């Protein structure tokens, strides 16, 4: 588990550094899906000074992350009215890190773009999921397994 956490921290640090070099600074983040990856993203973004709104349908996850984020809400991200109430177009970046239900992830990604989200980063567990998320409006897709393999190859491949 420690190796996975180390890798996820490296992945987030690498992602943040690349974005800093390539884009204007992100100031406010909407994070939907407070799982292991979502929690690490929230903590990393808060540490560097970004405002993070976390959303999940699980009250226990929201309670666990509240001290690390600017705000947190329990809600159904597939409900268009709920997403409207969050003011998704006001966020510089939206992460959809839902891992347990790809259909919810896909619907959430689509709705965020329909409601005017500026930039949506989705999470996929396979190449087909990557393609579906991109076609549904995601601006970018994180595939932790694929990115872990690249990290492992880079770290241990020059043996």
Protein backbone atom coordinates (compact mmCIF):
# COMPACT_ATOMS: atom_id res chain seq x y z
CA UNK A 1 0.00 0.00 0.00
CA UNK A 2 2.88 2.37 0.76
CA UNK A 3 4.27 1.92 -2.77
CA UNK A 4 0.87 2.75 -4.27
CA UNK A 5 0.56 5.87 -2.12
CA UNK A 6 4.11 6.89 -3.09
CA UNK A 7 3.26 6.40 -6.76
CA UNK A 8 -0.01 8.37 -6.49
CA UNK A 9 1.81 11.23 -4.76
CA UNK A 10 4.47 11.20 -7.50
CA UNK A 11 1.78 11.13 -10.17
CA UNK A 12 0.00 14.13 -8.68
CA UNK A 13 3.24 16.07 -8.21
CA UNK A 14 4.23 15.34 -11.81
CA UNK A 15 0.78 16.28 -13.10
CA UNK A 16 0.76 19.54 -11.13
CA UNK A 17 4.26 20.47 -12.31
CA UNK A 18 3.38 19.82 -15.98
CA UNK A 19 0.23 21.90 -15.66
CA UNK A 20 2.15 24.76 -14.03
CA UNK A 21 4.52 24.85 -16.97
CA UNK A 22 1.84 24.57 -19.64
CA UNK A 23 -1.18 26.51 -18.39
CA UNK A 24 -2.28 29.50 -16.39
CA UNK A 25 -2.54 28.77 -12.68
CA UNK A 26 -5.65 26.94 -11.49
CA UNK A 27 -7.24 28.51 -8.44
CA UNK A 28 -10.45 26.62 -7.71
CA UNK A 29 -11.09 22.93 -8.07
CA UNK A 30 -14.22 20.82 -7.97
CA UNK A 31 -13.39 17.24 -7.02
CA UNK A 32 -16.09 14.62 -7.51
CA UNK A 33 -15.31 11.21 -6.05
CA UNK A 34 -13.62 11.10 -2.64
CA UNK A 35 -11.83 7.75 -2.96
CA UNK A 36 -8.11 7.12 -2.43
CA UNK A 37 -7.06 8.99 -5.59
CA UNK A 38 -9.55 11.79 -4.98
CA UNK A 39 -8.33 12.26 -1.42
CA UNK A 40 -4.70 12.48 -2.55
CA UNK A 41 -5.62 15.02 -5.24
CA UNK A 42 -7.55 17.12 -2.72
CA UNK A 43 -4.72 17.08 -0.18
CA UNK A 44 -2.07 17.88 -2.81
CA UNK A 45 -4.07 20.77 -4.27
CA UNK A 46 -4.86 22.20 -0.83
CA UNK A 47 -1.17 22.01 0.13
CA UNK A 48 -0.21 24.25 -2.78
CA UNK A 49 -2.94 26.74 -2.00
CA UNK A 50 -5.86 25.89 -4.26
CA UNK A 51 -9.45 26.03 -3.09
CA UNK A 52 -11.00 22.57 -3.31
CA UNK A 53 -14.69 21.66 -3.18
CA UNK A 54 -15.09 17.91 -2.63
CA UNK A 55 -18.27 16.04 -3.53
CA UNK A 56 -19.23 12.44 -2.88
CA UNK A 57 -22.44 10.52 -2.28
CA UNK A 58 -20.92 8.84 0.80
CA UNK A 59 -21.28 10.85 4.02
CA UNK A 60 -18.37 9.02 5.71
CA UNK A 61 -15.99 10.01 2.90
CA UNK A 62 -17.11 13.62 3.08
CA UNK A 63 -16.65 13.68 6.86
CA UNK A 64 -13.15 12.19 6.48
CA UNK A 65 -11.97 14.81 3.96
CA UNK A 66 -13.54 17.97 5.40
CA UNK A 67 -10.41 19.09 7.24
CA UNK A 68 -8.37 18.96 3.99
CA UNK A 69 -10.66 20.94 1.67
CA UNK A 70 -12.22 24.37 1.47
CA UNK A 71 -15.73 22.90 1.34
CA UNK A 72 -17.37 19.49 0.98
CA UNK A 73 -20.86 18.36 0.08
CA UNK A 74 -22.75 15.10 0.02
CA UNK A 75 -24.59 14.69 -3.26
CA UNK A 76 -25.37 12.74 -6.40
CA UNK A 77 -23.12 13.97 -9.20
CA UNK A 78 -25.42 12.42 -11.82
CA UNK A 79 -28.19 14.80 -10.74
CA UNK A 80 -28.11 17.83 -13.03
CA UNK A 81 -29.87 20.09 -10.50
CA UNK A 82 -27.34 19.20 -7.82
CA UNK A 83 -24.44 19.99 -10.16
CA UNK A 84 -26.09 23.30 -11.14
CA UNK A 85 -26.30 24.21 -7.45
CA UNK A 86 -22.51 23.85 -7.21
CA UNK A 87 -21.93 26.45 -9.91
CA UNK A 88 -19.63 24.20 -11.93
CA UNK A 89 -18.75 26.94 -14.40
CA UNK A 90 -17.13 28.90 -11.55
CA UNK A 91 -14.38 26.29 -11.07
CA UNK A 92 -11.13 26.44 -13.00
CA UNK A 93 -10.78 22.66 -13.01
CA UNK A 94 -13.08 19.72 -12.29
CA UNK A 95 -11.74 16.27 -11.41
CA UNK A 96 -14.06 13.27 -11.72
CA UNK A 97 -12.32 10.48 -9.83
CA UNK A 98 -15.29 8.13 -9.41
CA UNK A 99 -13.81 4.62 -9.62
CA UNK A 100 -16.56 2.28 -8.47
CA UNK A 101 -19.21 3.11 -11.10
CA UNK A 102 -18.03 4.03 -14.59
CA UNK A 103 -21.54 4.93 -15.75
CA UNK A 104 -21.77 7.57 -12.99
CA UNK A 105 -18.33 8.85 -13.96
CA UNK A 106 -19.36 9.12 -17.61
CA UNK A 107 -22.66 10.85 -16.79
CA UNK A 108 -20.95 13.26 -14.41
CA UNK A 109 -18.30 14.15 -16.98
CA UNK A 110 -20.94 14.78 -19.63
CA UNK A 111 -23.10 16.90 -17.31
CA UNK A 112 -20.14 19.00 -16.14
CA UNK A 113 -19.32 19.95 -19.73
CA UNK A 114 -23.01 20.57 -20.55
CA UNK A 115 -23.22 22.92 -17.57
CA UNK A 116 -20.20 24.93 -18.69
CA UNK A 117 -17.28 23.46 -16.76
CA UNK A 118 -14.10 25.02 -18.14
CA UNK A 119 -11.86 21.96 -17.82
CA UNK A 120 -12.78 18.40 -16.82
CA UNK A 121 -10.24 15.71 -15.92
CA UNK A 122 -11.72 12.19 -15.78
CA UNK A 123 -10.49 8.92 -14.33
CA UNK A 124 -10.39 5.72 -16.37
CA UNK A 125 -9.40 2.15 -15.60
CA UNK A 126 -9.00 1.04 -19.22
CA UNK A 127 -8.27 2.43 -22.66
CA UNK A 128 -11.91 2.08 -23.74
CA UNK A 129 -12.97 4.10 -20.69
CA UNK A 130 -10.41 6.75 -21.66
CA UNK A 131 -11.94 7.00 -25.13
CA UNK A 132 -15.51 7.15 -23.81
CA UNK A 133 -14.64 9.88 -21.31
CA UNK A 134 -12.89 11.95 -23.97
CA UNK A 135 -15.88 11.59 -26.31
CA UNK A 136 -18.21 12.60 -23.48
CA UNK A 137 -16.39 15.85 -22.96
CA UNK A 138 -13.41 15.18 -20.69
CA UNK A 139 -10.51 17.46 -21.59
CA UNK A 140 -8.02 14.99 -20.19
CA UNK A 141 -8.13 11.53 -18.63
CA UNK A 142 -6.07 10.03 -15.81
CA UNK A 143 -5.57 6.26 -16.02
CA UNK A 144 -3.82 5.33 -12.75
CA UNK A 145 -2.91 1.77 -13.78
CA UNK A 146 -1.46 2.87 -17.12
CA UNK A 147 0.38 5.78 -15.54
CA UNK A 148 1.70 3.54 -12.74
CA UNK A 149 3.14 1.19 -15.37
CA UNK A 150 4.89 4.11 -17.07
CA UNK A 151 6.25 5.29 -13.72
CA UNK A 152 7.50 1.79 -12.83
CA UNK A 153 9.17 1.42 -16.24
CA UNK A 154 10.86 4.81 -15.83
CA UNK A 155 11.97 4.14 -12.26
CA UNK A 156 13.20 0.56 -12.68
CA UNK A 157 13.83 0.28 -16.41
CA UNK A 158 17.26 1.90 -16.36
CA UNK A 159 18.49 -0.74 -13.91
